[in-house]
Amino acid sequence: MELCDGKIGFALTGSFCTLNSMLIQMKKLKDEGADVYPIMSETVFATNTRFGDASYFIKETQNLCGHDVIATIKDAEPIGPKKMFDLLIIAPCTGNTLAKLATGVNDSSVTMAAKAHLRNGKPLLLFVSTNDGLSAAAKNIGTLLNCKNVFCTPFGQDDLIKKPISLVGIFDLLIPSAKEALNYNQIQPIIYQG
């Protein structure tokens, strides 16, 4: 399957420093011809930060995608029965979201979207962005990499000196990773070598 043929769910969680970069990735998906549906965690949907106001991100994603933001468990639940997406991307995927996905916790719009989507045997692509990727979140990344139909954008350390245990996905590899995940392939290498 090609991106131009796909319906793609794009879920944003609370790694707020990456949200503007994710708008660029959504636009790239649209430019590839994908039909992109925005999803936001309740926290992203309601939180103003130094990186931008929630209302700005809601407006930008809706204008860019041409669809309303899915931001509640109730609105995310039909993703499964309606078989809405060919691919679901969680980008950024925080340590909190990684932990919930790895342990089956389903208490947010994003985790409900993932659960509903995976029940259809469709691919889920994670774009890791967490300050504890090489400590507490490492076991959850490992668990998820071992799950059927779960794929990762390659990631690496984002600041070796100031944040030596932090990991972030490689932005330039999100679209190539999505193309591979649509065809149930994990792009390699997962650990980015720079």
Protein backbone atom coordinates (compact mmCIF):
# COMPACT_ATOMS: atom_id res chain seq x y z
CA MET A 1 0.00 0.00 0.00
CA GLU A 2 1.13 3.56 -0.73
CA LEU A 3 0.66 6.64 1.44
CA CYS A 4 -1.37 8.26 -1.33
CA ASP A 5 -3.96 5.49 -0.92
CA GLY A 6 -4.03 5.58 2.87
CA LYS A 7 -6.19 6.92 5.63
CA ILE A 8 -3.76 7.83 8.39
CA GLY A 9 -4.57 8.60 12.01
CA PHE A 10 -2.00 10.98 13.49
CA ALA A 11 -2.09 11.14 17.29
CA LEU A 12 -0.32 13.84 19.30
CA THR A 13 0.69 13.32 22.93
CA GLY A 14 2.33 15.66 25.41
CA SER A 15 5.91 16.04 24.26
CA PHE A 16 5.03 19.68 23.67
CA CYS A 17 8.46 20.71 22.35
CA THR A 18 7.89 18.54 19.25
CA LEU A 19 4.34 19.61 18.34
CA ASN A 20 5.33 22.27 15.79
CA SER A 21 7.59 19.73 14.09
CA MET A 22 4.66 17.28 13.99
CA LEU A 23 2.57 19.82 12.09
CA ILE A 24 5.30 19.73 9.43
CA GLN A 25 5.11 15.92 9.37
CA MET A 26 1.32 16.04 8.96
CA LYS A 27 1.78 18.39 6.00
CA LYS A 28 4.34 16.02 4.46
CA LEU A 29 1.84 13.16 4.76
CA LYS A 30 -0.82 15.31 3.10
CA ASP A 31 1.65 16.25 0.35
CA GLU A 32 2.19 12.50 -0.25
CA GLY A 33 -1.57 12.23 -0.84
CA ALA A 34 -2.57 10.65 2.48
CA ASP A 35 -5.91 11.42 4.10
CA VAL A 36 -4.81 12.43 7.62
CA TYR A 37 -7.08 12.44 10.68
CA PRO A 38 -5.80 14.33 13.76
CA ILE A 39 -6.07 12.83 17.23
CA MET A 40 -4.94 14.58 20.43
CA SER A 41 -4.56 13.38 23.96
CA GLU A 42 -6.81 15.24 26.36
CA THR A 43 -3.70 16.93 27.76
CA VAL A 44 -2.55 18.27 24.38
CA PHE A 45 -6.12 19.33 23.55
CA ALA A 46 -6.44 21.40 26.74
CA THR A 47 -2.95 22.61 27.70
CA ASN A 48 -1.27 25.89 26.83
CA THR A 49 2.52 25.76 27.11
CA ARG A 50 5.52 27.88 26.22
CA PHE A 51 5.58 25.99 22.90
CA GLY A 52 2.09 27.18 21.90
CA ASP A 53 -1.52 27.38 22.96
CA ALA A 54 -3.82 24.38 22.65
CA SER A 55 -6.22 26.40 20.49
CA TYR A 56 -3.41 27.06 18.00
CA PHE A 57 -2.59 23.35 17.59
CA ILE A 58 -6.26 22.41 17.33
CA LYS A 59 -6.89 25.02 14.64
CA GLU A 60 -3.71 24.18 12.70
CA THR A 61 -4.29 20.43 12.67
CA GLN A 62 -7.94 20.78 11.66
CA ASN A 63 -7.10 23.25 8.88
CA LEU A 64 -4.25 21.10 7.65
CA CYS A 65 -6.08 17.78 7.76
CA GLY A 66 -9.62 18.87 6.93
CA HIS A 67 -11.02 16.78 9.79
CA ASP A 68 -12.06 17.59 13.36
CA VAL A 69 -9.65 16.55 16.09
CA ILE A 70 -10.52 13.32 17.90
CA ALA A 71 -9.83 14.20 21.54
CA THR A 72 -12.01 11.97 23.75
CA ILE A 73 -12.23 8.27 24.49
CA LYS A 74 -15.82 8.32 23.23
CA ASP A 75 -14.80 9.79 19.88
CA ALA A 76 -11.81 7.43 19.53
CA GLU A 77 -13.74 4.21 20.23
CA PRO A 78 -15.39 3.98 16.76
CA ILE A 79 -11.93 3.85 15.10
CA GLY A 80 -12.01 0.07 15.53
CA PRO A 81 -15.56 -0.83 14.49
CA LYS A 82 -15.48 1.61 11.56
CA LYS A 83 -12.00 0.44 10.50
CA MET A 84 -11.13 4.09 10.01
CA PHE A 85 -7.38 3.95 9.38
CA ASP A 86 -4.86 2.00 7.36
CA LEU A 87 -2.11 3.25 9.68
CA LEU A 88 -2.12 4.98 13.06
CA ILE A 89 0.89 7.11 13.98
CA ILE A 90 1.51 8.28 17.55
CA ALA A 91 3.93 11.15 17.18
CA PRO A 92 5.21 12.21 19.58
CA CYS A 93 4.82 9.11 21.74
CA THR A 94 5.75 10.04 25.30
CA GLY A 95 7.08 7.79 28.03
CA ASN A 96 3.65 7.94 29.65
CA THR A 97 1.95 6.73 26.47
CA LEU A 98 4.60 4.05 25.92
CA ALA A 99 3.94 2.72 29.44
CA LYS A 100 0.19 2.65 28.90
CA LEU A 101 0.47 0.88 25.56
CA ALA A 102 2.96 -1.66 26.90
CA THR A 103 0.73 -2.57 29.84
CA GLY A 104 -2.69 -2.38 28.21
CA VAL A 105 -3.86 0.76 30.00
CA ASN A 106 -6.64 2.41 28.01
CA ASP A 107 -7.53 5.72 29.64
CA SER A 108 -7.07 8.40 27.00
CA SER A 109 -8.19 9.25 23.50
CA VAL A 110 -4.79 8.17 22.13
CA THR A 111 -4.59 4.82 23.92
CA MET A 112 -8.20 4.10 22.95
CA ALA A 113 -7.36 4.97 19.34
CA ALA A 114 -4.40 2.56 19.44
CA LYS A 115 -6.42 -0.25 21.02
CA ALA A 116 -9.32 0.24 18.59
CA HIS A 117 -6.96 0.36 15.61
CA LEU A 118 -4.85 -2.66 16.59
CA ARG A 119 -7.93 -4.85 17.01
CA ASN A 120 -8.23 -4.72 13.22
CA GLY A 121 -4.70 -6.06 12.72
CA LYS A 122 -3.56 -2.73 11.26
CA PRO A 123 -0.09 -1.20 11.77
CA LEU A 124 0.74 1.25 14.56
CA LEU A 125 3.81 3.49 14.19
CA LEU A 126 5.40 5.05 17.28
CA PHE A 127 7.61 8.14 17.21
CA VAL A 128 9.36 7.94 20.59
CA SER A 129 9.97 11.22 22.41
CA THR A 130 10.80 10.80 26.08
CA ASN A 131 13.39 12.07 28.55
CA ASP A 132 13.64 8.61 30.16
CA GLY A 133 14.01 6.49 27.02
CA LEU A 134 17.23 4.87 28.26
CA SER A 135 15.95 4.34 31.80
CA ALA A 136 12.35 3.79 32.95
CA ALA A 137 10.82 3.84 29.44
CA ALA A 138 13.39 1.44 27.95
CA LYS A 139 11.52 -1.69 29.05
CA ASN A 140 8.29 -0.37 27.52
CA ILE A 141 9.99 0.36 24.20
CA GLY A 142 11.36 -3.19 24.24
CA THR A 143 7.95 -4.64 25.03
CA LEU A 144 6.28 -2.71 22.23
CA LEU A 145 8.96 -3.60 19.67
CA ASN A 146 8.05 -7.23 20.36
CA CYS A 147 4.32 -6.68 19.69
CA LYS A 148 2.65 -7.69 16.46
CA ASN A 149 1.85 -4.78 14.11
CA VAL A 150 3.73 -2.20 16.23
CA PHE A 151 6.59 -0.35 14.54
CA CYS A 152 8.94 2.49 15.51
CA THR A 153 10.47 5.41 13.71
CA PRO A 154 14.24 5.16 14.28
CA PHE A 155 15.32 7.06 17.38
CA GLY A 156 18.47 8.28 19.06
CA GLN A 157 19.76 10.37 21.92
CA ASP A 158 18.78 13.99 21.45
CA ASP A 159 21.27 15.62 23.85
CA LEU A 160 24.16 13.43 25.02
CA ILE A 161 25.44 15.97 27.56
CA LYS A 162 22.39 17.61 29.13
CA LYS A 163 19.93 14.69 28.75
CA PRO A 164 21.96 11.47 28.45
CA ILE A 165 18.96 9.12 28.92
CA SER A 166 16.59 11.00 26.60
CA LEU A 167 15.46 9.55 23.25
CA VAL A 168 13.68 11.16 20.32
CA GLY A 169 12.59 9.85 16.95
CA ILE A 170 14.33 11.09 13.82
CA PHE A 171 11.96 13.56 12.16
CA ASP A 172 13.33 12.99 8.63
CA LEU A 173 12.59 9.27 8.98
CA LEU A 174 8.94 9.52 10.02
CA ILE A 175 7.55 9.49 6.47
CA PRO A 176 9.84 6.65 5.28
CA SER A 177 8.90 4.74 8.46
CA ALA A 178 5.19 5.29 7.73
CA LYS A 179 5.64 3.93 4.20
CA GLU A 180 7.29 0.79 5.57
CA ALA A 181 4.78 0.35 8.42
CA LEU A 182 1.87 0.56 5.96
CA ASN A 183 3.35 -2.59 4.43
CA TYR A 184 4.01 -4.20 7.84
CA ASN A 185 7.77 -3.65 7.71
CA GLN A 186 10.03 -2.17 10.38
CA ILE A 187 12.46 0.34 8.89
CA GLN A 188 16.06 -0.40 9.86
CA PRO A 189 18.15 0.38 11.73
CA ILE A 190 15.87 1.30 14.65
CA ILE A 191 18.76 2.83 16.60
CA TYR A 192 19.82 5.88 14.60
CA GLN A 193 23.56 6.10 14.04
CA GLY A 194 23.70 9.71 12.82
